[in-house]
PDB file of all heavy atoms in Angstrom:
ATOM      1  N   ASN A   1      77.298 113.543 135.061  1.00  0.00           N
ATOM      2  CA  ASN A   1      77.437 114.152 133.748  1.00  0.00           C
ATOM      3  C   ASN A   1      78.349 113.316 132.857  1.00  0.00           C
ATOM      4  O   ASN A   1      79.568 113.490 132.868  1.00  0.00           O
ATOM      5  CB  ASN A   1      78.012 115.571 133.875  1.00  0.00           C
ATOM      6  CG  ASN A   1      77.103 116.485 134.680  1.00  0.00           C
ATOM      7  OD1 ASN A   1      75.917 116.582 134.415  1.00  0.00           O
ATOM      8  ND2 ASN A   1      77.681 117.150 135.672  1.00  0.00           N
ATOM      9  N   PRO A   2      77.771 112.383 132.091  1.00  0.00           N
ATOM     10  CA  PRO A   2      78.578 111.576 131.167  1.00  0.00           C
ATOM     11  C   PRO A   2      79.283 112.473 130.146  1.00  0.00           C
ATOM     12  O   PRO A   2      78.789 113.540 129.773  1.00  0.00           O
ATOM     13  CB  PRO A   2      77.543 110.678 130.489  1.00  0.00           C
ATOM     14  CG  PRO A   2      76.359 110.675 131.397  1.00  0.00           C
ATOM     15  CD  PRO A   2      76.353 112.030 132.046  1.00  0.00           C
ATOM     16  N   VAL A   3      80.442 112.024 129.692  1.00  0.00           N
ATOM     17  CA  VAL A   3      81.225 112.779 128.720  1.00  0.00           C
ATOM     18  C   VAL A   3      80.906 112.264 127.320  1.00  0.00           C
ATOM     19  O   VAL A   3      81.078 111.075 127.034  1.00  0.00           O
ATOM     20  CB  VAL A   3      82.732 112.642 129.002  1.00  0.00           C
ATOM     21  CG1 VAL A   3      83.542 113.369 127.922  1.00  0.00           C
ATOM     22  CG2 VAL A   3      83.054 113.197 130.384  1.00  0.00           C
ATOM     23  N   LYS A   4      80.429 113.162 126.450  1.00  0.00           N
ATOM     24  CA  LYS A   4      80.119 112.789 125.072  1.00  0.00           C
ATOM     25  C   LYS A   4      81.343 113.085 124.222  1.00  0.00           C
ATOM     26  O   LYS A   4      81.591 114.220 123.821  1.00  0.00           O
ATOM     27  CB  LYS A   4      78.898 113.559 124.569  1.00  0.00           C
ATOM     28  CG  LYS A   4      78.436 113.113 123.187  1.00  0.00           C
ATOM     29  CD  LYS A   4      77.126 113.794 122.786  1.00  0.00           C
ATOM     30  CE  LYS A   4      75.951 113.167 123.500  1.00  0.00           C
ATOM     31  NZ  LYS A   4      74.655 113.674 122.971  1.00  0.00           N
ATOM     32  N   ALA A   5      82.130 112.054 123.936  1.00  0.00           N
ATOM     33  CA  ALA A   5      83.367 112.222 123.170  1.00  0.00           C
ATOM     34  C   ALA A   5      83.094 112.398 121.686  1.00  0.00           C
ATOM     35  O   ALA A   5      83.846 113.095 120.994  1.00  0.00           O
ATOM     36  CB  ALA A   5      84.298 111.032 123.402  1.00  0.00           C
ATOM     37  N   LEU A   6      82.048 111.743 121.172  1.00  0.00           N
ATOM     38  CA  LEU A   6      81.648 111.891 119.774  1.00  0.00           C
ATOM     39  C   LEU A   6      80.145 112.113 119.723  1.00  0.00           C
ATOM     40  O   LEU A   6      79.374 111.393 120.371  1.00  0.00           O
ATOM     41  CB  LEU A   6      82.009 110.647 118.961  1.00  0.00           C
ATOM     42  CG  LEU A   6      83.492 110.336 118.780  1.00  0.00           C
ATOM     43  CD1 LEU A   6      83.658 109.039 117.995  1.00  0.00           C
ATOM     44  CD2 LEU A   6      84.222 111.475 118.091  1.00  0.00           C
ATOM     45  N   ASP A   7      79.743 113.090 118.928  1.00  0.00           N
ATOM     46  CA  ASP A   7      78.341 113.502 118.882  1.00  0.00           C
ATOM     47  C   ASP A   7      77.830 113.448 117.436  1.00  0.00           C
ATOM     48  O   ASP A   7      77.877 114.426 116.700  1.00  0.00           O
ATOM     49  CB  ASP A   7      78.215 114.915 119.450  1.00  0.00           C
ATOM     50  CG  ASP A   7      76.766 115.337 119.668  1.00  0.00           C
ATOM     51  OD1 ASP A   7      75.862 114.533 119.370  1.00  0.00           O
ATOM     52  OD2 ASP A   7      76.548 116.474 120.121  1.00  0.00           O
ATOM     53  N   ASN A   8      77.382 112.258 117.027  1.00  0.00           N
ATOM     54  CA  ASN A   8      76.760 112.072 115.709  1.00  0.00           C
ATOM     55  C   ASN A   8      77.680 112.472 114.552  1.00  0.00           C
ATOM     56  O   ASN A   8      77.302 113.262 113.683  1.00  0.00           O
ATOM     57  CB  ASN A   8      75.442 112.843 115.618  1.00  0.00           C
ATOM     58  CG  ASN A   8      74.405 112.315 116.603  1.00  0.00           C
ATOM     59  OD1 ASN A   8      74.144 111.112 116.641  1.00  0.00           O
ATOM     60  ND2 ASN A   8      73.838 113.190 117.400  1.00  0.00           N
ATOM     61  N   ILE A   9      78.874 111.901 114.547  1.00  0.00           N
ATOM     62  CA  ILE A   9      79.840 112.149 113.472  1.00  0.00           C
ATOM     63  C   ILE A   9      79.522 111.253 112.276  1.00  0.00           C
ATOM     64  O   ILE A   9      79.304 110.048 112.431  1.00  0.00           O
ATOM     65  CB  ILE A   9      81.273 111.853 113.955  1.00  0.00           C
ATOM     66  CG1 ILE A   9      81.690 112.848 115.050  1.00  0.00           C
ATOM     67  CG2 ILE A   9      82.261 111.860 112.798  1.00  0.00           C
ATOM     68  CD1 ILE A   9      82.051 114.205 114.559  1.00  0.00           C
ATOM     69  N   SER A  10      79.499 111.847 111.071  1.00  0.00           N
ATOM     70  CA  SER A  10      79.283 111.077 109.846  1.00  0.00           C
ATOM     71  C   SER A  10      80.282 111.503 108.779  1.00  0.00           C
ATOM     72  O   SER A  10      80.544 112.696 108.612  1.00  0.00           O
ATOM     73  CB  SER A  10      77.858 111.286 109.310  1.00  0.00           C
ATOM     74  OG  SER A  10      76.879 110.820 110.206  1.00  0.00           O
ATOM     75  N   PHE A  11      80.835 110.525 108.060  1.00  0.00           N
ATOM     76  CA  PHE A  11      81.686 110.804 106.904  1.00  0.00           C
ATOM     77  C   PHE A  11      81.961 109.493 106.184  1.00  0.00           C
ATOM     78  O   PHE A  11      81.689 108.417 106.702  1.00  0.00           O
ATOM     79  CB  PHE A  11      83.010 111.468 107.309  1.00  0.00           C
ATOM     80  CG  PHE A  11      83.897 110.637 108.192  1.00  0.00           C
ATOM     81  CD1 PHE A  11      84.902 109.834 107.659  1.00  0.00           C
ATOM     82  CD2 PHE A  11      83.752 110.667 109.581  1.00  0.00           C
ATOM     83  CE1 PHE A  11      85.728 109.067 108.482  1.00  0.00           C
ATOM     84  CE2 PHE A  11      84.563 109.904 110.408  1.00  0.00           C
ATOM     85  CZ  PHE A  11      85.563 109.107 109.852  1.00  0.00           C
ATOM     86  N   GLU A  12      82.469 109.571 104.973  1.00  0.00           N
ATOM     87  CA  GLU A  12      82.905 108.381 104.262  1.00  0.00           C
ATOM     88  C   GLU A  12      84.180 108.681 103.489  1.00  0.00           C
ATOM     89  O   GLU A  12      84.438 109.826 103.118  1.00  0.00           O
ATOM     90  CB  GLU A  12      81.820 107.834 103.332  1.00  0.00           C
ATOM     91  CG  GLU A  12      81.397 108.761 102.223  1.00  0.00           C
ATOM     92  CD  GLU A  12      80.321 108.107 101.349  1.00  0.00           C
ATOM     93  OE1 GLU A  12      79.238 107.785 101.889  1.00  0.00           O
ATOM     94  OE2 GLU A  12      80.576 107.911 100.138  1.00  0.00           O
ATOM     95  N   ILE A  13      84.972 107.642 103.290  1.00  0.00           N
ATOM     96  CA  ILE A  13      86.261 107.789 102.620  1.00  0.00           C
ATOM     97  C   ILE A  13      86.319 106.798 101.460  1.00  0.00           C
ATOM     98  O   ILE A  13      86.272 105.583 101.685  1.00  0.00           O
ATOM     99  CB  ILE A  13      87.430 107.531 103.587  1.00  0.00           C
ATOM    100  CG1 ILE A  13      87.303 108.378 104.859  1.00  0.00           C
ATOM    101  CG2 ILE A  13      88.766 107.814 102.889  1.00  0.00           C
ATOM    102  CD1 ILE A  13      88.374 108.093 105.901  1.00  0.00           C
ATOM    103  N   PRO A  14      86.423 107.294 100.233  1.00  0.00           N
ATOM    104  CA  PRO A  14      86.558 106.376  99.093  1.00  0.00           C
ATOM    105  C   PRO A  14      87.899 105.646  99.133  1.00  0.00           C
ATOM    106  O   PRO A  14      88.856 106.093  99.754  1.00  0.00           O
ATOM    107  CB  PRO A  14      86.488 107.325  97.880  1.00  0.00           C
ATOM    108  CG  PRO A  14      85.913 108.593  98.392  1.00  0.00           C
ATOM    109  CD  PRO A  14      86.331 108.694  99.826  1.00  0.00           C
ATOM    110  N   LYS A  15      87.958 104.525  98.448  1.00  0.00           N
ATOM    111  CA  LYS A  15      89.207 103.774  98.358  1.00  0.00           C
ATOM    112  C   LYS A  15      90.279 104.601  97.652  1.00  0.00           C
ATOM    113  O   LYS A  15      90.004 105.321  96.700  1.00  0.00           O
ATOM    114  CB  LYS A  15      88.966 102.470  97.605  1.00  0.00           C
ATOM    115  CG  LYS A  15      88.068 101.497  98.362  1.00  0.00           C
ATOM    116  CD  LYS A  15      87.831 100.219  97.580  1.00  0.00           C
ATOM    117  CE  LYS A  15      86.920  99.271  98.365  1.00  0.00           C
ATOM    118  NZ  LYS A  15      86.642  98.022  97.632  1.00  0.00           N
ATOM    119  N   GLY A  16      91.503 104.498  98.162  1.00  0.00           N
ATOM    120  CA  GLY A  16      92.626 105.184  97.551  1.00  0.00           C
ATOM    121  C   GLY A  16      92.748 106.649  97.917  1.00  0.00           C
ATOM    122  O   GLY A  16      93.532 107.375  97.313  1.00  0.00           O
ATOM    123  N   GLN A  17      92.020 107.090  98.937  1.00  0.00           N
ATOM    124  CA  GLN A  17      92.063 108.493  99.342  1.00  0.00           C
ATOM    125  C   GLN A  17      92.811 108.660 100.664  1.00  0.00           C
ATOM    126  O   GLN A  17      92.796 107.783 101.525  1.00  0.00           O
ATOM    127  CB  GLN A  17      90.642 109.048  99.496  1.00  0.00           C
ATOM    128  CG  GLN A  17      90.586 110.551  99.754  1.00  0.00           C
ATOM    129  CD  GLN A  17      89.158 111.057  99.818  1.00  0.00           C
ATOM    130  OE1 GLN A  17      88.589 111.226 100.893  1.00  0.00           O
ATOM    131  NE2 GLN A  17      88.555 111.299  98.658  1.00  0.00           N
ATOM    132  N   ILE A  18      93.482 109.805 100.812  1.00  0.00           N
ATOM    133  CA  ILE A  18      94.075 110.187 102.093  1.00  0.00           C
ATOM    134  C   ILE A  18      93.128 111.179 102.753  1.00  0.00           C
ATOM    135  O   ILE A  18      92.839 112.241 102.192  1.00  0.00           O
ATOM    136  CB  ILE A  18      95.467 110.807 101.923  1.00  0.00           C
ATOM    137  CG1 ILE A  18      96.413 109.821 101.222  1.00  0.00           C
ATOM    138  CG2 ILE A  18      96.046 111.189 103.290  1.00  0.00           C
ATOM    139  CD1 ILE A  18      97.808 110.381 100.970  1.00  0.00           C
ATOM    140  N   PHE A  19      92.647 110.837 103.931  1.00  0.00           N
ATOM    141  CA  PHE A  19      91.634 111.617 104.634  1.00  0.00           C
ATOM    142  C   PHE A  19      92.235 112.139 105.926  1.00  0.00           C
ATOM    143  O   PHE A  19      92.768 111.371 106.729  1.00  0.00           O
ATOM    144  CB  PHE A  19      90.424 110.737 104.926  1.00  0.00           C
ATOM    145  CG  PHE A  19      89.247 111.448 105.538  1.00  0.00           C
ATOM    146  CD1 PHE A  19      88.272 112.015 104.737  1.00  0.00           C
ATOM    147  CD2 PHE A  19      89.117 111.535 106.916  1.00  0.00           C
ATOM    148  CE1 PHE A  19      87.178 112.654 105.292  1.00  0.00           C
ATOM    149  CE2 PHE A  19      88.028 112.173 107.487  1.00  0.00           C
ATOM    150  CZ  PHE A  19      87.042 112.733 106.671  1.00  0.00           C
ATOM    151  N   GLY A  20      92.169 113.446 106.128  1.00  0.00           N
ATOM    152  CA  GLY A  20      92.737 114.054 107.322  1.00  0.00           C
ATOM    153  C   GLY A  20      91.671 114.385 108.353  1.00  0.00           C
ATOM    154  O   GLY A  20      90.629 114.956 108.028  1.00  0.00           O
ATOM    155  N   LEU A  21      91.934 114.005 109.595  1.00  0.00           N
ATOM    156  CA  LEU A  21      91.042 114.305 110.713  1.00  0.00           C
ATOM    157  C   LEU A  21      91.761 115.277 111.630  1.00  0.00           C
ATOM    158  O   LEU A  21      92.786 114.936 112.224  1.00  0.00           O
ATOM    159  CB  LEU A  21      90.690 113.013 111.441  1.00  0.00           C
ATOM    160  CG  LEU A  21      89.607 113.055 112.514  1.00  0.00           C
ATOM    161  CD1 LEU A  21      88.303 113.595 111.954  1.00  0.00           C
ATOM    162  CD2 LEU A  21      89.392 111.664 113.089  1.00  0.00           C
ATOM    163  N   LEU A  22      91.249 116.500 111.704  1.00  0.00           N
ATOM    164  CA  LEU A  22      91.920 117.570 112.438  1.00  0.00           C
ATOM    165  C   LEU A  22      91.034 118.080 113.555  1.00  0.00           C
ATOM    166  O   LEU A  22      89.807 118.054 113.465  1.00  0.00           O
ATOM    167  CB  LEU A  22      92.263 118.737 111.506  1.00  0.00           C
ATOM    168  CG  LEU A  22      93.539 118.629 110.673  1.00  0.00           C
ATOM    169  CD1 LEU A  22      93.414 117.535 109.628  1.00  0.00           C
ATOM    170  CD2 LEU A  22      93.835 119.962 109.993  1.00  0.00           C
ATOM    171  N   GLY A  23      91.690 118.593 114.584  1.00  0.00           N
ATOM    172  CA  GLY A  23      90.964 119.198 115.691  1.00  0.00           C
ATOM    173  C   GLY A  23      91.906 119.452 116.844  1.00  0.00           C
ATOM    174  O   GLY A  23      92.995 118.873 116.909  1.00  0.00           O
ATOM    175  N   PRO A  24      91.505 120.319 117.787  1.00  0.00           N
ATOM    176  CA  PRO A  24      92.359 120.570 118.956  1.00  0.00           C
ATOM    177  C   PRO A  24      92.466 119.340 119.839  1.00  0.00           C
ATOM    178  O   PRO A  24      91.744 118.352 119.645  1.00  0.00           O
ATOM    179  CB  PRO A  24      91.636 121.722 119.678  1.00  0.00           C
ATOM    180  CG  PRO A  24      90.263 121.758 119.131  1.00  0.00           C
ATOM    181  CD  PRO A  24      90.255 121.079 117.811  1.00  0.00           C
ATOM    182  N   ASN A  25      93.356 119.381 120.807  1.00  0.00           N
ATOM    183  CA  ASN A  25      93.477 118.273 121.759  1.00  0.00           C
ATOM    184  C   ASN A  25      92.134 118.030 122.437  1.00  0.00           C
ATOM    185  O   ASN A  25      91.461 118.969 122.871  1.00  0.00           O
ATOM    186  CB  ASN A  25      94.537 118.587 122.819  1.00  0.00           C
ATOM    187  CG  ASN A  25      95.939 118.576 122.251  1.00  0.00           C
ATOM    188  OD1 ASN A  25      96.210 117.903 121.268  1.00  0.00           O
ATOM    189  ND2 ASN A  25      96.835 119.329 122.868  1.00  0.00           N
ATOM    190  N   GLY A  26      91.745 116.765 122.529  1.00  0.00           N
ATOM    191  CA  GLY A  26      90.477 116.429 123.158  1.00  0.00           C
ATOM    192  C   GLY A  26      89.276 116.564 122.252  1.00  0.00           C
ATOM    193  O   GLY A  26      88.134 116.431 122.713  1.00  0.00           O
ATOM    194  N   ALA A  27      89.498 116.781 120.960  1.00  0.00           N
ATOM    195  CA  ALA A  27      88.380 116.993 120.035  1.00  0.00           C
ATOM    196  C   ALA A  27      87.618 115.714 119.737  1.00  0.00           C
ATOM    197  O   ALA A  27      86.461 115.750 119.322  1.00  0.00           O
ATOM    198  CB  ALA A  27      88.894 117.606 118.736  1.00  0.00           C
ATOM    199  N   GLY A  28      88.276 114.567 119.892  1.00  0.00           N
ATOM    200  CA  GLY A  28      87.636 113.289 119.587  1.00  0.00           C
ATOM    201  C   GLY A  28      88.298 112.535 118.456  1.00  0.00           C
ATOM    202  O   GLY A  28      87.823 111.467 118.046  1.00  0.00           O
ATOM    203  N   LYS A  29      89.428 113.039 117.972  1.00  0.00           N
ATOM    204  CA  LYS A  29      90.107 112.405 116.834  1.00  0.00           C
ATOM    205  C   LYS A  29      90.538 110.974 117.166  1.00  0.00           C
ATOM    206  O   LYS A  29      90.279 110.042 116.401  1.00  0.00           O
ATOM    207  CB  LYS A  29      91.336 113.234 116.423  1.00  0.00           C
ATOM    208  CG  LYS A  29      91.057 114.685 116.106  1.00  0.00           C
ATOM    209  CD  LYS A  29      92.289 115.406 115.602  1.00  0.00           C
ATOM    210  CE  LYS A  29      93.442 115.460 116.600  1.00  0.00           C
ATOM    211  NZ  LYS A  29      93.090 116.209 117.828  1.00  0.00           N
ATOM    212  N   SER A  30      91.221 110.824 118.283  1.00  0.00           N
ATOM    213  CA  SER A  30      91.710 109.491 118.658  1.00  0.00           C
ATOM    214  C   SER A  30      90.560 108.542 118.967  1.00  0.00           C
ATOM    215  O   SER A  30      90.668 107.330 118.735  1.00  0.00           O
ATOM    216  CB  SER A  30      92.648 109.584 119.859  1.00  0.00           C
ATOM    217  OG  SER A  30      93.845 110.249 119.508  1.00  0.00           O
ATOM    218  N   THR A  31      89.446 109.071 119.460  1.00  0.00           N
ATOM    219  CA  THR A  31      88.278 108.230 119.719  1.00  0.00           C
ATOM    220  C   THR A  31      87.732 107.663 118.424  1.00  0.00           C
ATOM    221  O   THR A  31      87.355 106.481 118.351  1.00  0.00           O
ATOM    222  CB  THR A  31      87.187 109.029 120.454  1.00  0.00           C
ATOM    223  OG1 THR A  31      87.713 109.548 121.683  1.00  0.00           O
ATOM    224  CG2 THR A  31      85.987 108.150 120.772  1.00  0.00           C
ATOM    225  N   VAL A  32      87.690 108.479 117.370  1.00  0.00           N
ATOM    226  CA  VAL A  32      87.264 107.988 116.057  1.00  0.00           C
ATOM    227  C   VAL A  32      88.172 106.848 115.608  1.00  0.00           C
ATOM    228  O   VAL A  32      87.705 105.789 115.168  1.00  0.00           O
ATOM    229  CB  VAL A  32      87.280 109.123 115.009  1.00  0.00           C
ATOM    230  CG1 VAL A  32      87.038 108.562 113.610  1.00  0.00           C
ATOM    231  CG2 VAL A  32      86.236 110.176 115.332  1.00  0.00           C
ATOM    232  N   VAL A  33      89.475 107.050 115.732  1.00  0.00           N
ATOM    233  CA  VAL A  33      90.435 106.030 115.296  1.00  0.00           C
ATOM    234  C   VAL A  33      90.269 104.755 116.122  1.00  0.00           C
ATOM    235  O   VAL A  33      90.284 103.636 115.577  1.00  0.00           O
ATOM    236  CB  VAL A  33      91.878 106.559 115.400  1.00  0.00           C
ATOM    237  CG1 VAL A  33      92.888 105.448 115.154  1.00  0.00           C
ATOM    238  CG2 VAL A  33      92.096 107.703 114.415  1.00  0.00           C
ATOM    239  N   LYS A  34      90.096 104.893 117.414  1.00  0.00           N
ATOM    240  CA  LYS A  34      89.968 103.703 118.277  1.00  0.00           C
ATOM    241  C   LYS A  34      88.703 102.906 117.945  1.00  0.00           C
ATOM    242  O   LYS A  34      88.708 101.677 118.010  1.00  0.00           O
ATOM    243  CB  LYS A  34      89.969 104.124 119.741  1.00  0.00           C
ATOM    244  CG  LYS A  34      91.336 104.561 120.240  1.00  0.00           C
ATOM    245  CD  LYS A  34      91.294 105.008 121.694  1.00  0.00           C
ATOM    246  CE  LYS A  34      92.668 105.436 122.170  1.00  0.00           C
ATOM    247  NZ  LYS A  34      92.643 105.920 123.577  1.00  0.00           N
ATOM    248  N   ILE A  35      87.631 103.586 117.585  1.00  0.00           N
ATOM    249  CA  ILE A  35      86.413 102.877 117.194  1.00  0.00           C
ATOM    250  C   ILE A  35      86.616 102.172 115.857  1.00  0.00           C
ATOM    251  O   ILE A  35      86.271 100.997 115.697  1.00  0.00           O
ATOM    252  CB  ILE A  35      85.219 103.845 117.133  1.00  0.00           C
ATOM    253  CG1 ILE A  35      84.819 104.293 118.547  1.00  0.00           C
ATOM    254  CG2 ILE A  35      84.015 103.182 116.435  1.00  0.00           C
ATOM    255  CD1 ILE A  35      83.738 105.353 118.580  1.00  0.00           C
ATOM    256  N   LEU A  36      87.198 102.867 114.895  1.00  0.00           N
ATOM    257  CA  LEU A  36      87.370 102.288 113.563  1.00  0.00           C
ATOM    258  C   LEU A  36      88.374 101.133 113.554  1.00  0.00           C
ATOM    259  O   LEU A  36      88.323 100.280 112.672  1.00  0.00           O
ATOM    260  CB  LEU A  36      87.798 103.367 112.574  1.00  0.00           C
ATOM    261  CG  LEU A  36      86.743 104.426 112.246  1.00  0.00           C
ATOM    262  CD1 LEU A  36      87.318 105.497 111.330  1.00  0.00           C
ATOM    263  CD2 LEU A  36      85.510 103.793 111.599  1.00  0.00           C
ATOM    264  N   THR A  37      89.266 101.114 114.529  1.00  0.00           N
ATOM    265  CA  THR A  37      90.246 100.020 114.619  1.00  0.00           C
ATOM    266  C   THR A  37      89.843  98.970 115.646  1.00  0.00           C
ATOM    267  O   THR A  37      90.654  98.116 116.011  1.00  0.00           O
ATOM    268  CB  THR A  37      91.642 100.578 114.952  1.00  0.00           C
ATOM    269  OG1 THR A  37      91.581 101.335 116.169  1.00  0.00           O
ATOM    270  CG2 THR A  37      92.143 101.474 113.831  1.00  0.00           C
ATOM    271  N   THR A  38      88.615  99.047 116.133  1.00  0.00           N
ATOM    272  CA  THR A  38      87.975  98.059 117.023  1.00  0.00           C
ATOM    273  C   THR A  38      88.571  98.022 118.424  1.00  0.00           C
ATOM    274  O   THR A  38      88.364  97.070 119.165  1.00  0.00           O
ATOM    275  CB  THR A  38      87.982  96.630 116.429  1.00  0.00           C
ATOM    276  OG1 THR A  38      89.285  96.045 116.534  1.00  0.00           O
ATOM    277  CG2 THR A  38      87.534  96.623 114.972  1.00  0.00           C
ATOM    278  N   ILE A  39      89.306  99.060 118.799  1.00  0.00           N
ATOM    279  CA  ILE A  39      89.873  99.110 120.151  1.00  0.00           C
ATOM    280  C   ILE A  39      88.788  99.427 121.172  1.00  0.00           C
ATOM    281  O   ILE A  39      88.806  98.926 122.297  1.00  0.00           O
ATOM    282  CB  ILE A  39      91.013 100.135 120.219  1.00  0.00           C
ATOM    283  CG1 ILE A  39      92.192  99.654 119.368  1.00  0.00           C
ATOM    284  CG2 ILE A  39      91.468 100.377 121.659  1.00  0.00           C
ATOM    285  CD1 ILE A  39      93.276 100.682 119.207  1.00  0.00           C
ATOM    286  N   THR A  40      87.838 100.267 120.776  1.00  0.00           N
ATOM    287  CA  THR A  40      86.709 100.588 121.637  1.00  0.00           C
ATOM    288  C   THR A  40      85.432 100.511 120.817  1.00  0.00           C
ATOM    289  O   THR A  40      85.470 100.590 119.578  1.00  0.00           O
ATOM    290  CB  THR A  40      86.873 101.982 122.281  1.00  0.00           C
ATOM    291  OG1 THR A  40      85.862 102.172 123.273  1.00  0.00           O
ATOM    292  CG2 THR A  40      86.750 103.087 121.241  1.00  0.00           C
ATOM    293  N   THR A  41      84.295 100.346 121.487  1.00  0.00           N
ATOM    294  CA  THR A  41      83.021 100.197 120.784  1.00  0.00           C
ATOM    295  C   THR A  41      82.242 101.507 120.812  1.00  0.00           C
ATOM    296  O   THR A  41      82.334 102.277 121.775  1.00  0.00           O
ATOM    297  CB  THR A  41      82.168  99.094 121.429  1.00  0.00           C
ATOM    298  OG1 THR A  41      81.992  99.395 122.819  1.00  0.00           O
ATOM    299  CG2 THR A  41      82.838  97.749 121.283  1.00  0.00           C
ATOM    300  N   PRO A  42      81.466 101.774 119.771  1.00  0.00           N
ATOM    301  CA  PRO A  42      80.661 103.004 119.760  1.00  0.00           C
ATOM    302  C   PRO A  42      79.462 102.882 120.695  1.00  0.00           C
ATOM    303  O   PRO A  42      78.988 101.776 120.991  1.00  0.00           O
ATOM    304  CB  PRO A  42      80.215 103.105 118.294  1.00  0.00           C
ATOM    305  CG  PRO A  42      80.215 101.695 117.792  1.00  0.00           C
ATOM    306  CD  PRO A  42      81.330 101.007 118.516  1.00  0.00           C
ATOM    307  N   SER A  43      78.965 104.024 121.138  1.00  0.00           N
ATOM    308  CA  SER A  43      77.751 104.051 121.954  1.00  0.00           C
ATOM    309  C   SER A  43      76.508 104.151 121.086  1.00  0.00           C
ATOM    310  O   SER A  43      75.394 103.868 121.547  1.00  0.00           O
ATOM    311  CB  SER A  43      77.795 105.243 122.923  1.00  0.00           C
ATOM    312  OG  SER A  43      78.942 105.205 123.725  1.00  0.00           O
TER     313      SER A  43
END
């Protein structure tokens, strides 16, 4: 049973905006950040 950490997440952030990513522990927030900062690759 593979673990699906992110399931078809979509969003965009305009320049000059502060964007908040909220969720309980284990929601996938840090996974989003790690992908966007090239620490891990998306599936």
